[in-house]
Amino acid sequence: MARGRGPCGRRKPHTAGRRLFSSGSGFGGDYPLSLQALFGGEVVLDALIDTDGKIAELNVVHGTAPFLEPVLDAVRTWTFSPGQIDGQAVEERIGIVVQFPQSFLPKLTSPERKYDPPSEDSIDHAAVPISTVEPDYPLNTVAEQSVVLYNLINQQGEVTSTQVLRDVEPFTSVTLAALQKWQFVPGKEAGANTDSAIVVVVTFRHP
């Protein structure tokens, strides 16, 4: 297993996931067709990406029906560009969030979700959110689309960069605006905070 270390033994930032491919019909799965789904939902995953860019391990951090199983089925079709250090492919953990904003205008429930941080006993995990906010559905729009973002989270849990992997305006703009309100905990390796990446997929359904 190839590893890279920076100052104080922390891993140098990698690049896993900057290119993301899905062999399925949608990046995060289709919006479930059920009454419960209309109130929105969210799935948070922690994935280990191997040196071939494939998911070697997939852990559920948060997620319930009717969203969890469709998201797992979709994410298992993903492949990534692997992380690299000095031109060598390395294994890397990456966070994944698939959000389904509620299909009501105005929203009937709070657009904000809060989560407990990972256990202190968890010495290896990707960056994950502890607070998320749903974007508003764009006005004068009738489409149903998914936006995909790739974010780097530093050792303080701050977003240092965001790359749009799937750009569908006007959905991208409202997703980026909502992301500014999110809060994260950094990834950990061997108990030490590390720079980590997180992929965010937001799937919109027309109200």
N, C-alpha and C. Protein backbone atom coordinates (compact mmCIF):
# COMPACT_ATOMS: atom_id res chain seq x y z
N MET A 1 0.85 -1.20 0.00
CA MET A 1 0.00 0.00 0.00
C MET A 1 0.88 1.24 0.00
N ALA A 2 0.78 2.04 -1.01
CA ALA A 2 1.61 3.24 -1.10
C ALA A 2 1.00 4.36 -0.27
N ARG A 3 1.83 5.01 0.51
CA ARG A 3 1.40 6.13 1.34
C ARG A 3 2.36 7.29 1.15
N GLY A 4 1.87 8.52 1.40
CA GLY A 4 2.73 9.69 1.33
C GLY A 4 2.56 10.53 2.56
N ARG A 5 3.65 11.10 3.07
CA ARG A 5 3.59 11.86 4.30
C ARG A 5 4.13 13.26 4.09
N GLY A 6 3.49 14.21 4.77
CA GLY A 6 3.96 15.58 4.78
C GLY A 6 4.55 15.90 6.13
N PRO A 7 4.67 17.17 6.52
CA PRO A 7 5.20 17.54 7.81
C PRO A 7 4.40 16.91 8.93
N CYS A 8 5.09 16.54 10.02
CA CYS A 8 4.47 15.95 11.22
C CYS A 8 3.79 14.62 10.90
N GLY A 9 4.21 13.96 9.81
CA GLY A 9 3.68 12.64 9.49
C GLY A 9 2.34 12.65 8.80
N ARG A 10 1.77 13.82 8.51
CA ARG A 10 0.47 13.88 7.87
C ARG A 10 0.61 13.67 6.37
N ARG A 11 -0.39 13.06 5.78
CA ARG A 11 -0.33 12.78 4.35
C ARG A 11 -0.39 14.06 3.53
N LYS A 12 0.34 14.07 2.45
CA LYS A 12 0.24 15.17 1.51
C LYS A 12 -1.10 15.09 0.80
N PRO A 13 -1.64 16.23 0.37
CA PRO A 13 -2.90 16.18 -0.36
C PRO A 13 -2.75 15.40 -1.66
N HIS A 14 -3.76 14.58 -1.97
CA HIS A 14 -3.75 13.76 -3.17
C HIS A 14 -4.78 14.32 -4.16
N THR A 15 -5.07 13.53 -5.18
CA THR A 15 -5.97 14.01 -6.22
C THR A 15 -7.04 12.99 -6.58
N ALA A 16 -7.30 12.01 -5.71
CA ALA A 16 -8.30 10.99 -6.03
C ALA A 16 -9.66 11.65 -6.26
N GLY A 17 -10.32 11.22 -7.34
CA GLY A 17 -11.68 11.69 -7.58
C GLY A 17 -11.80 12.93 -8.42
N ARG A 18 -10.68 13.55 -8.81
CA ARG A 18 -10.80 14.74 -9.66
C ARG A 18 -11.46 14.40 -10.99
N ARG A 19 -11.34 13.15 -11.39
CA ARG A 19 -12.10 12.64 -12.54
C ARG A 19 -12.96 11.49 -12.03
N LEU A 20 -14.25 11.59 -12.25
CA LEU A 20 -15.21 10.62 -11.72
C LEU A 20 -16.05 10.09 -12.87
N PHE A 21 -16.20 8.78 -12.90
CA PHE A 21 -16.96 8.15 -13.97
C PHE A 21 -18.05 7.28 -13.37
N SER A 22 -19.21 7.28 -13.99
CA SER A 22 -20.33 6.44 -13.55
C SER A 22 -20.82 5.63 -14.73
N SER A 23 -20.93 4.30 -14.51
CA SER A 23 -21.45 3.45 -15.57
C SER A 23 -22.96 3.28 -15.47
N GLY A 24 -23.57 3.89 -14.45
CA GLY A 24 -25.01 3.79 -14.27
C GLY A 24 -25.74 4.93 -14.96
N SER A 25 -27.06 5.00 -14.73
CA SER A 25 -27.87 6.02 -15.40
C SER A 25 -27.74 7.39 -14.75
N GLY A 26 -27.34 7.43 -13.47
CA GLY A 26 -27.20 8.71 -12.78
C GLY A 26 -26.12 8.61 -11.73
N PHE A 27 -25.47 9.74 -11.43
CA PHE A 27 -24.35 9.70 -10.50
C PHE A 27 -24.78 9.24 -9.11
N GLY A 28 -25.91 9.74 -8.62
CA GLY A 28 -26.33 9.38 -7.28
C GLY A 28 -27.61 8.56 -7.26
N GLY A 29 -28.02 8.08 -8.41
CA GLY A 29 -29.29 7.36 -8.48
C GLY A 29 -30.43 8.32 -8.74
N ASP A 30 -31.52 7.80 -9.23
CA ASP A 30 -32.70 8.63 -9.50
C ASP A 30 -33.38 9.02 -8.19
N TYR A 31 -34.09 10.14 -8.23
CA TYR A 31 -34.85 10.58 -7.07
C TYR A 31 -35.96 9.55 -6.81
N PRO A 32 -36.00 8.94 -5.61
CA PRO A 32 -37.00 7.89 -5.35
C PRO A 32 -38.43 8.40 -5.54
N LEU A 33 -39.27 7.54 -6.09
CA LEU A 33 -40.66 7.89 -6.34
C LEU A 33 -41.52 7.39 -5.18
N SER A 34 -41.50 8.12 -4.09
CA SER A 34 -42.33 7.77 -2.94
C SER A 34 -42.71 9.05 -2.21
N LEU A 35 -43.80 8.99 -1.44
CA LEU A 35 -44.25 10.16 -0.69
C LEU A 35 -43.19 10.61 0.30
N GLN A 36 -42.55 9.67 0.97
CA GLN A 36 -41.53 10.00 1.94
C GLN A 36 -40.36 10.74 1.30
N ALA A 37 -40.03 10.36 0.06
CA ALA A 37 -38.89 10.98 -0.62
C ALA A 37 -39.12 12.45 -0.90
N LEU A 38 -40.39 12.87 -1.00
CA LEU A 38 -40.68 14.27 -1.30
C LEU A 38 -40.14 15.22 -0.25
N PHE A 39 -39.92 14.69 0.97
CA PHE A 39 -39.41 15.53 2.06
C PHE A 39 -37.88 15.58 2.07
N GLY A 40 -37.26 14.98 1.08
CA GLY A 40 -35.81 15.09 0.94
C GLY A 40 -35.04 14.11 1.80
N GLY A 41 -33.79 13.96 1.48
CA GLY A 41 -32.93 13.06 2.23
C GLY A 41 -31.48 13.23 1.80
N GLU A 42 -30.63 12.47 2.48
CA GLU A 42 -29.20 12.64 2.26
C GLU A 42 -28.48 11.36 2.67
N VAL A 43 -27.47 11.00 1.91
CA VAL A 43 -26.64 9.84 2.22
C VAL A 43 -25.18 10.30 2.28
N VAL A 44 -24.48 9.89 3.36
CA VAL A 44 -23.08 10.23 3.54
C VAL A 44 -22.28 8.94 3.60
N LEU A 45 -21.25 8.84 2.76
CA LEU A 45 -20.45 7.63 2.67
C LEU A 45 -18.96 7.95 2.84
N ASP A 46 -18.22 6.95 3.26
CA ASP A 46 -16.75 7.03 3.40
C ASP A 46 -16.18 5.91 2.54
N ALA A 47 -15.44 6.26 1.49
CA ALA A 47 -14.95 5.26 0.54
C ALA A 47 -13.43 5.22 0.52
N LEU A 48 -12.89 4.02 0.37
CA LEU A 48 -11.46 3.83 0.14
C LEU A 48 -11.26 3.55 -1.34
N ILE A 49 -10.49 4.40 -2.01
CA ILE A 49 -10.24 4.27 -3.43
C ILE A 49 -8.87 3.62 -3.62
N ASP A 50 -8.83 2.51 -4.37
CA ASP A 50 -7.57 1.80 -4.53
C ASP A 50 -6.73 2.43 -5.64
N THR A 51 -5.59 1.82 -5.92
CA THR A 51 -4.65 2.41 -6.87
C THR A 51 -5.12 2.29 -8.32
N ASP A 52 -6.19 1.53 -8.55
CA ASP A 52 -6.79 1.46 -9.88
C ASP A 52 -7.98 2.40 -10.02
N GLY A 53 -8.28 3.17 -8.98
CA GLY A 53 -9.40 4.09 -9.02
C GLY A 53 -10.74 3.44 -8.73
N LYS A 54 -10.72 2.22 -8.18
CA LYS A 54 -11.96 1.51 -7.87
C LYS A 54 -12.24 1.58 -6.37
N ILE A 55 -13.52 1.45 -6.02
CA ILE A 55 -13.91 1.49 -4.61
C ILE A 55 -13.56 0.16 -3.96
N ALA A 56 -12.61 0.19 -3.04
CA ALA A 56 -12.19 -1.02 -2.34
C ALA A 56 -12.99 -1.24 -1.06
N GLU A 57 -13.54 -0.15 -0.52
CA GLU A 57 -14.30 -0.22 0.74
C GLU A 57 -15.31 0.92 0.74
N LEU A 58 -16.54 0.63 1.16
CA LEU A 58 -17.59 1.64 1.16
C LEU A 58 -18.37 1.54 2.46
N ASN A 59 -18.25 2.57 3.29
CA ASN A 59 -18.90 2.58 4.60
C ASN A 59 -20.02 3.62 4.63
N VAL A 60 -21.15 3.25 5.19
CA VAL A 60 -22.27 4.17 5.35
C VAL A 60 -22.07 4.97 6.63
N VAL A 61 -21.98 6.28 6.51
CA VAL A 61 -21.87 7.16 7.67
C VAL A 61 -23.25 7.61 8.12
N HIS A 62 -24.08 8.03 7.17
CA HIS A 62 -25.47 8.41 7.43
C HIS A 62 -26.29 8.02 6.20
N GLY A 63 -27.54 7.66 6.43
CA GLY A 63 -28.42 7.36 5.31
C GLY A 63 -29.52 6.40 5.69
N THR A 64 -30.71 6.66 5.18
CA THR A 64 -31.87 5.82 5.48
C THR A 64 -32.69 5.62 4.20
N ALA A 65 -33.66 4.72 4.28
CA ALA A 65 -34.60 4.52 3.17
C ALA A 65 -35.46 5.78 3.02
N PRO A 66 -35.92 6.07 1.81
CA PRO A 66 -35.79 5.29 0.57
C PRO A 66 -34.57 5.66 -0.26
N PHE A 67 -33.61 6.40 0.32
CA PHE A 67 -32.49 6.91 -0.45
C PHE A 67 -31.26 6.01 -0.42
N LEU A 68 -31.05 5.30 0.68
CA LEU A 68 -29.77 4.63 0.89
C LEU A 68 -29.46 3.59 -0.18
N GLU A 69 -30.35 2.64 -0.41
CA GLU A 69 -30.04 1.56 -1.34
C GLU A 69 -29.83 2.05 -2.78
N PRO A 70 -30.69 2.96 -3.30
CA PRO A 70 -30.42 3.47 -4.65
C PRO A 70 -29.08 4.18 -4.76
N VAL A 71 -28.69 4.90 -3.71
CA VAL A 71 -27.40 5.60 -3.74
C VAL A 71 -26.26 4.59 -3.72
N LEU A 72 -26.33 3.59 -2.86
CA LEU A 72 -25.28 2.58 -2.82
C LEU A 72 -25.14 1.87 -4.17
N ASP A 73 -26.27 1.54 -4.78
CA ASP A 73 -26.23 0.89 -6.09
C ASP A 73 -25.55 1.78 -7.12
N ALA A 74 -25.85 3.08 -7.08
CA ALA A 74 -25.25 4.00 -8.04
C ALA A 74 -23.77 4.20 -7.79
N VAL A 75 -23.40 4.42 -6.52
CA VAL A 75 -21.99 4.71 -6.19
C VAL A 75 -21.10 3.51 -6.50
N ARG A 76 -21.63 2.31 -6.36
CA ARG A 76 -20.83 1.12 -6.66
C ARG A 76 -20.45 1.02 -8.14
N THR A 77 -21.10 1.81 -8.99
CA THR A 77 -20.74 1.84 -10.41
C THR A 77 -19.65 2.87 -10.70
N TRP A 78 -19.30 3.69 -9.71
CA TRP A 78 -18.33 4.76 -9.93
C TRP A 78 -16.91 4.21 -10.04
N THR A 79 -16.11 4.87 -10.85
CA THR A 79 -14.66 4.70 -10.82
C THR A 79 -14.04 6.09 -10.79
N PHE A 80 -12.85 6.18 -10.23
CA PHE A 80 -12.19 7.45 -9.99
C PHE A 80 -10.82 7.48 -10.65
N SER A 81 -10.31 8.69 -10.84
CA SER A 81 -8.88 8.81 -11.08
C SER A 81 -8.21 8.63 -9.72
N PRO A 82 -7.24 7.71 -9.59
CA PRO A 82 -6.64 7.45 -8.28
C PRO A 82 -5.80 8.62 -7.80
N GLY A 83 -5.60 8.69 -6.48
CA GLY A 83 -4.69 9.67 -5.92
C GLY A 83 -3.26 9.38 -6.35
N GLN A 84 -2.44 10.41 -6.44
CA GLN A 84 -1.05 10.22 -6.84
C GLN A 84 -0.12 11.08 -6.00
N ILE A 85 1.05 10.53 -5.74
CA ILE A 85 2.15 11.28 -5.13
C ILE A 85 3.40 11.00 -5.96
N ASP A 86 4.00 12.07 -6.48
CA ASP A 86 5.21 11.94 -7.30
C ASP A 86 5.01 10.94 -8.44
N GLY A 87 3.80 10.99 -9.04
CA GLY A 87 3.52 10.14 -10.18
C GLY A 87 3.16 8.71 -9.84
N GLN A 88 3.10 8.37 -8.56
CA GLN A 88 2.77 7.02 -8.13
C GLN A 88 1.35 6.98 -7.58
N ALA A 89 0.54 6.03 -8.07
CA ALA A 89 -0.82 5.88 -7.58
C ALA A 89 -0.82 5.40 -6.14
N VAL A 90 -1.72 5.95 -5.33
CA VAL A 90 -1.81 5.60 -3.91
C VAL A 90 -3.27 5.38 -3.53
N GLU A 91 -3.49 4.57 -2.51
CA GLU A 91 -4.83 4.44 -1.95
C GLU A 91 -5.19 5.71 -1.20
N GLU A 92 -6.48 6.03 -1.21
CA GLU A 92 -6.91 7.26 -0.53
C GLU A 92 -8.38 7.17 -0.14
N ARG A 93 -8.70 7.70 1.02
CA ARG A 93 -10.09 7.78 1.45
C ARG A 93 -10.72 9.05 0.91
N ILE A 94 -11.99 8.95 0.53
CA ILE A 94 -12.71 10.10 0.00
C ILE A 94 -14.13 10.07 0.55
N GLY A 95 -14.65 11.21 0.94
CA GLY A 95 -16.02 11.31 1.40
C GLY A 95 -16.97 11.47 0.22
N ILE A 96 -18.19 10.99 0.38
CA ILE A 96 -19.21 11.11 -0.66
C ILE A 96 -20.52 11.53 0.00
N VAL A 97 -21.13 12.58 -0.51
CA VAL A 97 -22.44 13.03 -0.03
C VAL A 97 -23.38 13.10 -1.23
N VAL A 98 -24.52 12.40 -1.12
CA VAL A 98 -25.55 12.49 -2.15
C VAL A 98 -26.80 13.07 -1.50
N GLN A 99 -27.19 14.22 -1.97
CA GLN A 99 -28.30 14.96 -1.34
C GLN A 99 -29.48 15.04 -2.32
N PHE A 100 -30.68 14.87 -1.76
CA PHE A 100 -31.93 14.99 -2.52
C PHE A 100 -32.77 16.09 -1.84
N PRO A 101 -32.65 17.33 -2.29
CA PRO A 101 -33.43 18.40 -1.67
C PRO A 101 -34.93 18.11 -1.77
N GLN A 102 -35.67 18.50 -0.74
CA GLN A 102 -37.11 18.25 -0.72
C GLN A 102 -37.82 18.96 -1.87
N SER A 103 -38.87 18.34 -2.33
CA SER A 103 -39.58 18.82 -3.52
C SER A 103 -40.79 19.68 -3.16
N PHE A 104 -40.55 20.68 -2.34
CA PHE A 104 -41.63 21.60 -1.98
C PHE A 104 -41.12 23.03 -2.04
N LEU A 105 -41.97 23.93 -2.51
CA LEU A 105 -41.71 25.37 -2.46
C LEU A 105 -42.93 26.05 -1.85
N PRO A 106 -42.79 26.71 -0.70
CA PRO A 106 -41.57 26.73 0.12
C PRO A 106 -41.32 25.39 0.78
N LYS A 107 -40.12 25.19 1.34
CA LYS A 107 -39.77 23.94 1.97
C LYS A 107 -40.63 23.72 3.22
N LEU A 108 -41.06 22.47 3.41
CA LEU A 108 -41.94 22.14 4.53
C LEU A 108 -41.18 21.75 5.78
N THR A 109 -39.94 21.33 5.62
CA THR A 109 -39.09 20.99 6.76
C THR A 109 -37.79 21.77 6.66
N SER A 110 -37.02 21.78 7.72
CA SER A 110 -35.77 22.54 7.72
C SER A 110 -34.83 22.04 6.63
N PRO A 111 -34.21 22.94 5.88
CA PRO A 111 -33.26 22.53 4.84
C PRO A 111 -31.89 22.16 5.41
N GLU A 112 -31.73 22.32 6.72
CA GLU A 112 -30.43 22.08 7.35
C GLU A 112 -30.43 20.73 8.08
N ARG A 113 -29.33 20.01 7.96
CA ARG A 113 -29.13 18.76 8.70
C ARG A 113 -27.83 18.85 9.48
N LYS A 114 -27.85 18.34 10.71
CA LYS A 114 -26.65 18.34 11.55
C LYS A 114 -26.34 16.90 11.95
N TYR A 115 -25.04 16.60 12.01
CA TYR A 115 -24.57 15.27 12.35
C TYR A 115 -23.52 15.34 13.44
N ASP A 116 -23.44 14.28 14.23
CA ASP A 116 -22.35 14.16 15.18
C ASP A 116 -21.06 13.87 14.44
N PRO A 117 -19.92 14.37 14.93
CA PRO A 117 -18.64 14.05 14.28
C PRO A 117 -18.29 12.58 14.50
N PRO A 118 -17.39 12.05 13.69
CA PRO A 118 -16.96 10.66 13.89
C PRO A 118 -16.41 10.44 15.30
N SER A 119 -16.50 9.22 15.75
CA SER A 119 -16.00 8.87 17.08
C SER A 119 -14.50 9.15 17.17
N GLU A 120 -14.05 9.54 18.37
CA GLU A 120 -12.63 9.76 18.59
C GLU A 120 -11.84 8.48 18.38
N ASP A 121 -12.51 7.33 18.49
CA ASP A 121 -11.84 6.05 18.29
C ASP A 121 -11.59 5.76 16.81
N SER A 122 -12.21 6.54 15.94
CA SER A 122 -12.04 6.34 14.50
C SER A 122 -10.75 7.02 14.06
N ILE A 123 -9.73 6.22 13.77
CA ILE A 123 -8.41 6.78 13.45
C ILE A 123 -8.18 6.95 11.96
N ASP A 124 -9.05 6.36 11.13
CA ASP A 124 -8.93 6.49 9.68
C ASP A 124 -10.31 6.74 9.09
N HIS A 125 -10.53 7.93 8.55
CA HIS A 125 -11.79 8.21 7.88
C HIS A 125 -11.61 9.40 6.94
N ALA A 126 -12.50 9.51 5.98
CA ALA A 126 -12.49 10.63 5.05
C ALA A 126 -13.10 11.87 5.72
N ALA A 127 -12.93 13.01 5.09
CA ALA A 127 -13.65 14.21 5.53
C ALA A 127 -15.14 13.97 5.36
N VAL A 128 -15.93 14.38 6.36
CA VAL A 128 -17.38 14.22 6.29
C VAL A 128 -18.06 15.48 6.82
N PRO A 129 -19.28 15.75 6.39
CA PRO A 129 -19.98 16.95 6.87
C PRO A 129 -20.58 16.73 8.25
N ILE A 130 -20.61 17.80 9.04
CA ILE A 130 -21.35 17.79 10.30
C ILE A 130 -22.54 18.74 10.23
N SER A 131 -22.64 19.50 9.15
CA SER A 131 -23.80 20.36 8.92
C SER A 131 -23.93 20.59 7.42
N THR A 132 -25.14 20.34 6.90
CA THR A 132 -25.41 20.57 5.47
C THR A 132 -26.67 21.40 5.33
N VAL A 133 -26.79 22.06 4.19
CA VAL A 133 -27.95 22.89 3.88
C VAL A 133 -28.39 22.56 2.46
N GLU A 134 -29.68 22.32 2.28
CA GLU A 134 -30.20 22.07 0.94
C GLU A 134 -30.23 23.36 0.12
N PRO A 135 -29.88 23.29 -1.15
CA PRO A 135 -30.06 24.46 -2.01
C PRO A 135 -31.54 24.65 -2.35
N ASP A 136 -31.90 25.86 -2.69
CA ASP A 136 -33.26 26.14 -3.15
C ASP A 136 -33.39 25.73 -4.62
N TYR A 137 -34.57 25.25 -4.97
CA TYR A 137 -34.81 24.93 -6.37
C TYR A 137 -34.85 26.24 -7.16
N PRO A 138 -34.13 26.34 -8.30
CA PRO A 138 -34.08 27.59 -9.06
C PRO A 138 -35.46 27.99 -9.57
N LEU A 139 -35.74 29.27 -9.49
CA LEU A 139 -37.01 29.79 -9.99
C LEU A 139 -37.06 29.70 -11.51
N ASN A 140 -38.28 29.60 -12.04
CA ASN A 140 -38.52 29.57 -13.49
C ASN A 140 -37.77 28.42 -14.17
N THR A 141 -37.69 27.28 -13.45
CA THR A 141 -37.02 26.10 -13.98
C THR A 141 -37.92 24.89 -13.79
N VAL A 142 -37.93 23.99 -14.77
CA VAL A 142 -38.78 22.81 -14.66
C VAL A 142 -37.99 21.51 -14.85
N ALA A 143 -36.66 21.60 -14.94
CA ALA A 143 -35.84 20.42 -15.20
C ALA A 143 -35.55 19.65 -13.91
N GLU A 144 -35.12 18.40 -14.08
CA GLU A 144 -34.64 17.57 -12.99
C GLU A 144 -33.22 17.16 -13.33
N GLN A 145 -32.26 17.58 -12.51
CA GLN A 145 -30.85 17.42 -12.86
C GLN A 145 -30.02 17.09 -11.61
N SER A 146 -28.78 16.66 -11.85
CA SER A 146 -27.82 16.41 -10.78
C SER A 146 -26.57 17.24 -11.02
N VAL A 147 -26.07 17.87 -9.96
CA VAL A 147 -24.82 18.62 -9.97
C VAL A 147 -23.80 17.82 -9.18
N VAL A 148 -22.55 17.76 -9.67
CA VAL A 148 -21.50 17.01 -8.99
C VAL A 148 -20.33 17.95 -8.72
N LEU A 149 -19.90 18.02 -7.46
CA LEU A 149 -18.79 18.87 -7.05
C LEU A 149 -17.69 18.04 -6.39
N TYR A 150 -16.45 18.44 -6.61
CA TYR A 150 -15.29 17.82 -5.97
C TYR A 150 -14.64 18.87 -5.08
N ASN A 151 -14.53 18.58 -3.79
CA ASN A 151 -14.05 19.57 -2.82
C ASN A 151 -12.84 19.04 -2.07
N LEU A 152 -11.87 19.90 -1.84
CA LEU A 152 -10.74 19.56 -0.98
C LEU A 152 -10.97 20.18 0.39
N ILE A 153 -10.82 19.36 1.44
CA ILE A 153 -11.01 19.79 2.82
C ILE A 153 -9.66 19.71 3.52
N ASN A 154 -9.24 20.81 4.15
CA ASN A 154 -7.92 20.80 4.78
C ASN A 154 -7.97 20.22 6.20
N GLN A 155 -6.86 20.27 6.89
CA GLN A 155 -6.74 19.65 8.20
C GLN A 155 -7.54 20.38 9.27
N GLN A 156 -8.08 21.56 8.96
CA GLN A 156 -8.94 22.29 9.88
C GLN A 156 -10.42 22.12 9.53
N GLY A 157 -10.72 21.32 8.52
CA GLY A 157 -12.11 21.12 8.11
C GLY A 157 -12.64 22.21 7.21
N GLU A 158 -11.75 23.00 6.61
CA GLU A 158 -12.16 24.09 5.72
C GLU A 158 -12.09 23.65 4.26
N VAL A 159 -13.03 24.15 3.46
CA VAL A 159 -13.00 23.89 2.03
C VAL A 159 -11.96 24.80 1.39
N THR A 160 -10.93 24.20 0.81
CA THR A 160 -9.87 24.99 0.20
C THR A 160 -10.04 25.15 -1.30
N SER A 161 -10.79 24.24 -1.93
CA SER A 161 -11.06 24.38 -3.36
C SER A 161 -12.28 23.55 -3.73
N THR A 162 -12.98 24.01 -4.75
CA THR A 162 -14.15 23.29 -5.27
C THR A 162 -14.06 23.24 -6.78
N GLN A 163 -14.20 22.05 -7.32
CA GLN A 163 -14.20 21.85 -8.77
C GLN A 163 -15.55 21.28 -9.18
N VAL A 164 -16.14 21.87 -10.20
CA VAL A 164 -17.43 21.39 -10.70
C VAL A 164 -17.18 20.25 -11.68
N LEU A 165 -17.62 19.04 -11.33
CA LEU A 165 -17.45 17.89 -12.20
C LEU A 165 -18.62 17.71 -13.15
N ARG A 166 -19.81 18.16 -12.72
CA ARG A 166 -20.98 18.13 -13.61
C ARG A 166 -21.72 19.45 -13.44
N ASP A 167 -21.68 20.24 -14.47
CA ASP A 167 -22.18 21.61 -14.43
C ASP A 167 -23.50 21.69 -15.17
N VAL A 168 -24.57 22.01 -14.44
CA VAL A 168 -25.90 22.15 -15.05
C VAL A 168 -26.55 23.41 -14.47
N GLU A 169 -26.38 24.51 -15.14
CA GLU A 169 -27.00 25.75 -14.67
C GLU A 169 -28.50 25.74 -14.98
N PRO A 170 -29.32 26.40 -14.10
CA PRO A 170 -28.93 27.22 -12.95
C PRO A 170 -28.75 26.43 -11.65
N PHE A 171 -28.73 25.09 -11.73
CA PHE A 171 -28.62 24.26 -10.53
C PHE A 171 -27.23 24.36 -9.89
N THR A 172 -26.20 24.54 -10.71
CA THR A 172 -24.84 24.62 -10.16
C THR A 172 -24.70 25.82 -9.23
N SER A 173 -25.22 26.96 -9.65
CA SER A 173 -25.06 28.19 -8.84
C SER A 173 -25.70 28.06 -7.47
N VAL A 174 -26.91 27.50 -7.41
CA VAL A 174 -27.59 27.39 -6.11
C VAL A 174 -26.93 26.32 -5.24
N THR A 175 -26.35 25.30 -5.88
CA THR A 175 -25.62 24.27 -5.12
C THR A 175 -24.36 24.85 -4.51
N LEU A 176 -23.61 25.62 -5.29
CA LEU A 176 -22.39 26.24 -4.77
C LEU A 176 -22.71 27.22 -3.63
N ALA A 177 -23.83 27.95 -3.75
CA ALA A 177 -24.22 28.88 -2.69
C ALA A 177 -24.55 28.14 -1.41
N ALA A 178 -25.24 27.02 -1.52
CA ALA A 178 -25.58 26.23 -0.33
C ALA A 178 -24.34 25.62 0.30
N LEU A 179 -23.40 25.17 -0.53
CA LEU A 179 -22.18 24.52 -0.02
C LEU A 179 -21.38 25.46 0.88
N GLN A 180 -21.46 26.74 0.65
CA GLN A 180 -20.73 27.70 1.48
C GLN A 180 -21.21 27.67 2.94
N LYS A 181 -22.39 27.12 3.18
CA LYS A 181 -22.93 27.07 4.54
C LYS A 181 -22.65 25.72 5.23
N TRP A 182 -22.07 24.79 4.49
CA TRP A 182 -21.77 23.48 5.06
C TRP A 182 -20.57 23.56 6.00
N GLN A 183 -20.53 22.63 6.96
CA GLN A 183 -19.37 22.50 7.85
C GLN A 183 -18.88 21.06 7.81
N PHE A 184 -17.56 20.89 7.90
CA PHE A 184 -16.95 19.58 7.77
C PHE A 184 -15.99 19.30 8.93
N VAL A 185 -15.76 18.02 9.17
CA VAL A 185 -14.62 17.61 9.99
C VAL A 185 -13.60 17.02 9.02
N PRO A 186 -12.31 17.24 9.29
CA PRO A 186 -11.30 16.76 8.36
C PRO A 186 -11.16 15.25 8.38
N GLY A 187 -10.55 14.72 7.34
CA GLY A 187 -10.23 13.31 7.33
C GLY A 187 -9.13 13.01 8.33
N LYS A 188 -8.99 11.73 8.65
CA LYS A 188 -7.93 11.30 9.57
C LYS A 188 -7.21 10.09 8.99
N GLU A 189 -5.92 10.05 9.24
CA GLU A 189 -5.12 8.87 8.92
C GLU A 189 -4.21 8.58 10.10
N ALA A 190 -4.32 7.36 10.63
CA ALA A 190 -3.54 6.97 11.80
C ALA A 190 -3.76 7.95 12.96
N GLY A 191 -4.97 8.49 13.06
CA GLY A 191 -5.32 9.36 14.17
C GLY A 191 -4.97 10.82 13.99
N ALA A 192 -4.30 11.18 12.90
CA ALA A 192 -3.89 12.57 12.65
C ALA A 192 -4.75 13.18 11.55
N ASN A 193 -5.14 14.45 11.75
CA ASN A 193 -5.90 15.14 10.72
C ASN A 193 -5.11 15.21 9.41
N THR A 194 -5.82 15.07 8.31
CA THR A 194 -5.16 15.08 7.01
C THR A 194 -6.03 15.79 5.98
N ASP A 195 -5.42 16.34 4.96
CA ASP A 195 -6.18 16.88 3.83
C ASP A 195 -6.93 15.73 3.17
N SER A 196 -8.15 15.99 2.74
CA SER A 196 -9.00 14.93 2.19
C SER A 196 -9.97 15.55 1.20
N ALA A 197 -10.50 14.69 0.33
CA ALA A 197 -11.46 15.15 -0.68
C ALA A 197 -12.85 14.62 -0.36
N ILE A 198 -13.85 15.33 -0.85
CA ILE A 198 -15.24 14.89 -0.70
C ILE A 198 -16.00 15.24 -1.97
N VAL A 199 -16.73 14.27 -2.49
CA VAL A 199 -17.56 14.47 -3.67
C VAL A 199 -19.00 14.71 -3.21
N VAL A 200 -19.61 15.77 -3.72
CA VAL A 200 -20.99 16.11 -3.38
C VAL A 200 -21.84 16.02 -4.64
N VAL A 201 -22.90 15.22 -4.55
CA VAL A 201 -23.88 15.09 -5.63
C VAL A 201 -25.22 15.60 -5.12
N VAL A 202 -25.80 16.55 -5.81
CA VAL A 202 -27.12 17.07 -5.44
C VAL A 202 -28.07 16.80 -6.60
N THR A 203 -29.13 16.01 -6.30
CA THR A 203 -30.11 15.62 -7.32
C THR A 203 -31.41 16.36 -7.08
N PHE A 204 -31.78 17.19 -8.02
CA PHE A 204 -32.98 18.04 -7.90
C PHE A 204 -34.17 17.36 -8.54
N ARG A 205 -35.32 17.49 -7.86
CA ARG A 205 -36.60 17.05 -8.42
C ARG A 205 -37.52 18.26 -8.48
N HIS A 206 -38.23 18.39 -9.60
CA HIS A 206 -39.09 19.56 -9.78
C HIS A 206 -40.23 19.53 -8.76
N PRO A 207 -40.48 20.65 -8.07
CA PRO A 207 -41.56 20.70 -7.07
C PRO A 207 -42.93 20.42 -7.70
